[in-house]
C-alpha cells in the first residue's frame, strides 16, 4: 500500500539535522529512497512554528532537515543549540 495520504509520527532529531523514519511506516507504505515527500515538522517542547519542506529519504531511512528550515523551526538562538535530541512531530504527505 503506497503512501497516498497523511502520516503523522514523532521522531527524535539526531546529529546533522536528521531524523529516522520508523521502520514500520517505511514497510507499511513501501517508502523508497527515490520517492519525494512533503514533510512538515514541529518541535514539540519548543515554542515555534511548523516548517514545511520537500525531502527524500536516504538509504538508511533518515531524512535531513534543511538548515534554513531548521533555523525557522525555533525562534531563539539558545533553543537552536539545544534542538539536537528534541522530539519532533513529523507529518509526511505525497507530493
Protein backbone atom coordinates (compact mmCIF):
# COMPACT_ATOMS: atom_id res chain seq x y z
CA UNK A 1 0.00 0.00 0.00
CA UNK A 2 1.88 3.13 -1.15
CA UNK A 3 1.67 6.41 0.70
CA UNK A 4 -1.45 8.20 -0.55
CA UNK A 5 -2.43 10.28 2.49
CA UNK A 6 -1.11 11.93 5.60
CA UNK A 7 1.09 10.03 8.08
CA UNK A 8 1.93 11.57 11.48
CA UNK A 9 4.59 10.26 13.88
CA UNK A 10 7.13 11.51 16.42
CA UNK A 11 10.88 11.24 16.00
CA UNK A 12 13.99 12.50 17.76
CA UNK A 13 16.26 14.97 15.94
CA UNK A 14 19.69 13.41 15.52
CA UNK A 15 23.11 14.88 14.88
CA UNK A 16 23.34 16.60 11.49
CA UNK A 17 19.68 17.76 11.44
CA UNK A 18 18.44 14.27 10.61
CA UNK A 19 15.60 12.15 11.91
CA UNK A 20 14.84 8.46 11.50
CA UNK A 21 11.62 7.28 9.88
CA UNK A 22 10.13 4.36 11.84
CA UNK A 23 10.69 1.03 10.15
CA UNK A 24 7.02 0.07 10.39
CA UNK A 25 5.99 3.20 8.45
CA UNK A 26 8.64 2.56 5.80
CA UNK A 27 7.48 -1.04 5.40
CA UNK A 28 3.73 -0.38 5.54
CA UNK A 29 3.79 2.35 2.90
CA UNK A 30 6.68 0.86 0.90
CA UNK A 31 8.70 4.09 1.02
CA UNK A 32 11.74 4.17 -1.22
CA UNK A 33 14.72 6.49 -1.27
CA UNK A 34 13.80 7.91 -4.69
CA UNK A 35 10.29 8.98 -3.61
CA UNK A 36 9.89 12.72 -2.91
CA UNK A 37 7.71 13.64 0.06
CA UNK A 38 6.24 16.80 1.52
CA UNK A 39 7.48 16.94 5.12
CA UNK A 40 6.13 19.14 7.92
CA UNK A 41 7.97 19.21 11.26
CA UNK A 42 7.21 20.83 14.59
CA UNK A 43 9.46 20.82 17.67
CA UNK A 44 7.13 19.57 20.41
CA UNK A 45 8.75 21.08 23.53
CA UNK A 46 9.94 24.34 21.94
CA UNK A 47 7.92 27.43 21.16
CA UNK A 48 7.98 27.70 17.40
CA UNK A 49 6.04 27.05 14.28
CA UNK A 50 5.53 24.30 11.75
CA UNK A 51 8.04 24.18 8.90
CA UNK A 52 7.26 22.50 5.59
CA UNK A 53 9.81 21.35 3.04
CA UNK A 54 10.28 18.67 0.38
CA UNK A 55 12.72 15.83 1.00
CA UNK A 56 13.68 12.29 0.11
CA UNK A 57 14.63 9.52 2.47
CA UNK A 58 18.20 8.24 2.23
CA UNK A 59 19.04 4.53 2.11
CA UNK A 60 19.38 4.28 5.89
CA UNK A 61 15.81 5.53 6.43
CA UNK A 62 16.69 9.05 7.57
CA UNK A 63 15.65 12.48 6.30
CA UNK A 64 17.68 15.66 6.62
CA UNK A 65 16.05 18.93 7.61
CA UNK A 66 17.49 21.80 5.53
CA UNK A 67 19.41 24.37 7.54
CA UNK A 68 17.06 27.21 6.63
CA UNK A 69 14.04 25.16 7.72
CA UNK A 70 15.79 24.24 10.98
CA UNK A 71 16.51 27.90 11.71
CA UNK A 72 12.84 28.75 11.15
CA UNK A 73 11.74 25.91 13.42
CA UNK A 74 12.66 27.70 16.66
CA UNK A 75 12.77 31.42 17.38
CA UNK A 76 15.65 31.82 19.81
CA UNK A 77 19.36 31.14 19.30
CA UNK A 78 19.64 29.26 22.62
CA UNK A 79 16.91 26.86 21.50
CA UNK A 80 18.69 26.18 18.20
CA UNK A 81 21.73 24.95 20.12
CA UNK A 82 19.54 22.60 22.21
CA UNK A 83 17.47 21.33 19.29
CA UNK A 84 19.56 18.17 18.75
CA UNK A 85 17.82 15.40 20.65
CA UNK A 86 14.47 17.20 20.72
CA UNK A 87 11.24 15.41 19.90
CA UNK A 88 9.70 16.36 16.56
CA UNK A 89 6.18 15.84 15.32
CA UNK A 90 6.60 14.81 11.69
CA UNK A 91 3.91 14.75 9.00
CA UNK A 92 4.56 13.04 5.69
CA UNK A 93 2.47 13.56 2.56
CA UNK A 94 2.97 12.50 -1.03
CA UNK A 95 3.95 15.21 -3.49
